[in-house]
N, C-alpha and C. Protein backbone atom coordinates (compact mmCIF):
# COMPACT_ATOMS: atom_id res chain seq x y z
N GLY A 1 92.59 91.11 97.64
CA GLY A 1 93.77 90.15 97.15
C GLY A 1 93.55 89.21 98.38
N LYS A 2 93.26 89.51 99.69
CA LYS A 2 93.15 88.37 100.72
C LYS A 2 92.16 87.25 100.29
N ASN A 3 91.02 87.72 99.86
CA ASN A 3 90.00 87.10 99.59
C ASN A 3 90.31 85.97 98.51
N LEU A 4 90.98 86.46 97.33
CA LEU A 4 91.35 85.95 96.24
C LEU A 4 92.25 85.11 96.51
N PHE A 5 93.38 85.22 97.32
CA PHE A 5 94.53 84.47 97.73
C PHE A 5 93.60 83.51 98.54
N LYS A 6 92.54 83.22 99.15
CA LYS A 6 92.35 82.28 100.01
C LYS A 6 91.34 81.46 99.31
N SER A 7 90.40 82.33 98.32
CA SER A 7 90.06 81.46 97.19
C SER A 7 90.81 80.69 96.48
N LEU A 8 91.71 81.03 95.99
CA LEU A 8 92.96 80.47 95.00
C LEU A 8 93.79 79.08 95.74
N LYS A 9 93.92 79.53 96.99
CA LYS A 9 95.15 78.66 97.88
C LYS A 9 95.18 77.30 97.52
N ASP A 10 94.07 76.71 97.34
CA ASP A 10 93.95 74.87 97.09
C ASP A 10 94.51 74.68 95.57
N VAL A 11 93.87 75.66 94.41
CA VAL A 11 94.36 75.26 93.45
C VAL A 11 95.48 76.08 92.66
N ALA A 12 95.88 77.27 93.70
CA ALA A 12 97.57 77.76 93.02
C ALA A 12 98.57 78.10 93.80
N THR A 13 99.62 78.23 93.38
CA THR A 13 100.71 78.98 94.12
C THR A 13 100.99 80.10 93.88
N PHE A 14 101.13 80.58 94.91
CA PHE A 14 101.25 81.88 94.77
C PHE A 14 102.78 82.38 95.12
N SER A 15 103.86 83.28 94.47
CA SER A 15 104.88 83.60 94.16
C SER A 15 105.50 85.00 94.49
N PHE A 16 105.35 85.93 95.22
CA PHE A 16 105.86 87.22 95.40
C PHE A 16 107.42 87.67 95.59
N ALA A 17 107.31 88.18 94.13
CA ALA A 17 108.52 88.75 94.13
C ALA A 17 109.43 89.82 94.41
N ASN A 18 110.18 90.08 94.90
CA ASN A 18 111.01 91.42 95.42
C ASN A 18 111.74 92.36 94.24
N ALA A 19 111.51 93.28 94.34
CA ALA A 19 112.19 94.07 93.40
C ALA A 19 113.77 93.94 93.13
N PRO A 20 114.67 93.93 91.87
CA PRO A 20 115.90 93.46 91.94
C PRO A 20 116.91 94.68 92.38
N LEU A 21 116.35 95.77 91.95
CA LEU A 21 117.30 96.93 92.64
C LEU A 21 117.12 97.57 93.61
N PRO A 22 118.30 97.83 94.24
CA PRO A 22 118.28 98.66 95.38
C PRO A 22 117.83 100.11 95.24
N TYR A 23 117.26 100.47 96.26
CA TYR A 23 116.55 101.86 96.20
C TYR A 23 118.14 102.85 96.47
N ASN A 24 118.14 103.69 95.97
CA ASN A 24 119.25 104.96 96.28
C ASN A 24 118.78 106.00 96.42
N SER A 25 118.10 106.66 97.38
CA SER A 25 117.31 108.14 97.27
C SER A 25 118.02 109.29 96.90
N MET A 26 119.34 109.22 96.40
CA MET A 26 120.65 110.27 96.17
C MET A 26 120.01 111.96 96.90
N ASN A 27 119.55 111.43 97.96
CA ASN A 27 118.98 112.72 98.88
C ASN A 27 117.79 113.37 98.31
N GLU A 28 117.12 112.70 97.36
CA GLU A 28 115.96 113.03 96.93
C GLU A 28 114.80 112.50 98.17
N GLY A 29 114.19 113.72 98.51
CA GLY A 29 113.20 113.64 99.55
C GLY A 29 113.87 113.60 101.02
N LYS A 30 115.27 114.01 101.29
CA LYS A 30 115.61 113.84 102.65
C LYS A 30 115.17 114.90 103.12
N GLU A 31 115.07 116.10 102.32
CA GLU A 31 114.59 117.23 103.46
C GLU A 31 113.07 116.80 104.22
N GLU A 32 112.58 116.54 103.02
CA GLU A 32 110.84 116.15 103.57
C GLU A 32 110.82 114.90 104.44
N LEU A 33 111.70 114.09 104.70
CA LEU A 33 111.88 112.82 105.59
C LEU A 33 112.52 113.85 106.96
N SER A 34 113.21 114.61 106.92
CA SER A 34 113.43 115.39 108.24
C SER A 34 112.53 116.19 108.89
N ALA A 35 111.87 116.78 107.79
CA ALA A 35 110.98 117.70 107.95
C ALA A 35 109.74 116.64 109.03
N ALA A 36 109.17 115.70 108.20
CA ALA A 36 108.33 114.72 109.25
C ALA A 36 108.72 113.90 110.07
N PHE A 37 110.10 113.28 110.26
CA PHE A 37 110.14 112.57 111.31
C PHE A 37 111.23 113.17 112.38
N GLY A 38 112.08 114.29 111.81
CA GLY A 38 113.14 114.97 112.33
C GLY A 38 114.40 114.09 112.10
N ASP A 39 115.36 114.64 112.33
CA ASP A 39 116.87 114.37 112.08
C ASP A 39 117.20 113.28 112.34
N ASP A 40 117.06 112.58 113.48
CA ASP A 40 117.72 111.71 114.55
C ASP A 40 116.45 110.40 114.06
N ASN A 41 115.10 110.68 113.59
CA ASN A 41 114.12 109.75 113.44
C ASN A 41 113.95 109.39 112.35
N SER A 42 114.49 109.83 111.19
CA SER A 42 114.34 109.53 109.74
C SER A 42 114.32 107.70 109.43
N PRO A 43 113.28 107.38 108.83
CA PRO A 43 113.42 105.63 108.40
C PRO A 43 114.27 105.61 107.79
N GLU A 44 114.74 104.37 107.81
CA GLU A 44 115.86 103.74 107.36
C GLU A 44 115.66 103.37 105.68
N THR A 45 116.29 103.87 104.91
CA THR A 45 115.94 103.02 103.25
C THR A 45 116.93 102.28 102.67
N SER A 46 117.60 101.74 103.50
CA SER A 46 118.84 101.05 102.83
C SER A 46 118.08 99.41 102.40
N TYR A 47 117.25 99.22 102.77
CA TYR A 47 116.89 97.49 102.60
C TYR A 47 115.93 97.94 101.56
N GLN A 48 115.38 99.17 101.09
CA GLN A 48 114.05 99.31 100.09
C GLN A 48 114.69 98.66 98.70
N ARG A 49 113.84 98.07 97.92
CA ARG A 49 114.38 97.82 96.67
C ARG A 49 113.21 98.45 95.39
N ILE A 50 113.38 98.67 94.76
CA ILE A 50 112.61 99.07 93.20
C ILE A 50 112.83 98.24 92.12
N TRP A 51 111.87 98.56 91.17
CA TRP A 51 111.71 97.95 89.89
C TRP A 51 112.36 98.69 88.78
N TRP A 52 112.61 100.22 88.94
CA TRP A 52 113.31 100.65 87.93
C TRP A 52 113.67 101.80 88.43
N ASN A 53 114.72 102.82 87.95
CA ASN A 53 114.88 104.40 88.31
C ASN A 53 114.53 104.93 87.34
N SER A 54 113.53 106.18 87.57
CA SER A 54 112.94 106.91 86.46
C SER A 54 113.71 108.30 86.34
N SER A 55 113.56 108.89 85.16
CA SER A 55 114.97 110.09 84.99
C SER A 55 113.80 111.30 85.95
N ALA A 56 114.35 112.48 86.16
CA ALA A 56 113.87 113.32 87.02
C ALA A 56 112.75 114.15 86.58
N ASP A 57 112.47 113.84 85.28
CA ASP A 57 111.17 114.15 84.67
C ASP A 57 110.23 113.51 84.20
N SER A 58 110.47 111.93 85.24
CA SER A 58 109.69 110.77 84.90
C SER A 58 109.57 110.16 83.70
N LYS A 59 109.90 110.88 82.36
CA LYS A 59 109.77 110.25 80.89
C LYS A 59 110.80 108.82 80.20
N THR A 60 111.95 108.94 81.40
CA THR A 60 112.88 107.39 81.19
C THR A 60 112.44 106.78 81.84
N TYR A 61 112.57 105.41 82.07
CA TYR A 61 112.97 104.30 82.98
C TYR A 61 114.18 103.65 82.55
N HIS A 62 115.11 104.17 83.96
CA HIS A 62 116.31 103.23 83.71
C HIS A 62 116.53 101.94 84.27
N HIS A 63 116.73 101.29 83.70
CA HIS A 63 117.45 99.62 84.19
C HIS A 63 115.84 98.52 84.29
N LEU A 64 114.94 98.91 83.44
CA LEU A 64 113.75 98.36 83.72
C LEU A 64 114.20 96.89 83.32
N ASP A 65 115.01 97.05 82.16
CA ASP A 65 115.57 95.96 81.57
C ASP A 65 115.80 94.40 82.36
N VAL A 66 116.50 95.72 83.53
CA VAL A 66 117.07 94.29 84.30
C VAL A 66 116.15 93.76 85.23
N SER A 67 115.12 94.69 85.72
CA SER A 67 113.76 93.98 85.94
C SER A 67 112.86 92.84 85.27
N LEU A 68 112.60 93.11 84.41
CA LEU A 68 112.17 92.67 83.09
C LEU A 68 112.80 90.87 83.29
N HIS A 69 114.53 90.73 82.82
CA HIS A 69 115.08 89.84 82.99
C HIS A 69 114.80 89.08 84.17
N TYR A 70 114.85 89.54 85.11
CA TYR A 70 114.70 88.94 86.41
C TYR A 70 113.00 88.25 86.31
N ILE A 71 112.09 88.78 86.39
CA ILE A 71 111.04 88.50 86.30
C ILE A 71 111.01 87.11 85.29
N ASP A 72 111.41 87.18 84.00
CA ASP A 72 111.99 86.25 83.23
C ASP A 72 112.44 85.10 83.60
N LYS A 73 113.20 85.22 84.34
CA LYS A 73 113.90 84.01 85.24
C LYS A 73 113.23 83.45 86.10
N LEU A 74 112.45 84.37 87.01
CA LEU A 74 111.29 83.85 88.07
C LEU A 74 110.54 82.99 87.79
N PHE A 75 110.00 83.51 86.31
CA PHE A 75 108.82 82.62 85.69
C PHE A 75 109.64 81.23 85.39
N GLN A 76 110.58 81.26 84.39
CA GLN A 76 111.35 79.66 84.05
C GLN A 76 111.72 79.10 85.74
N SER A 77 112.32 79.39 86.65
CA SER A 77 112.45 78.77 87.59
C SER A 77 111.46 77.94 88.56
N GLU A 78 110.23 78.76 88.45
CA GLU A 78 109.12 78.86 89.59
C GLU A 78 108.27 78.13 88.63
């Protein structure tokens, strides 16, 4: 990664996209976070972003179309 960036910085422009959807854990993993960090020390998740929401069985990706549209618009504007 870093070496590629250095090698191409004179001939390429790099854009790094942030995922367009807000992360909402819906309490998934809350017990694991509490066990790992303690109730008062759990990390903040409100700033995290995601590209899609997967179903509980991970067979369906919800809102992937929103992310693909976002990437398309990003390429058009950049």
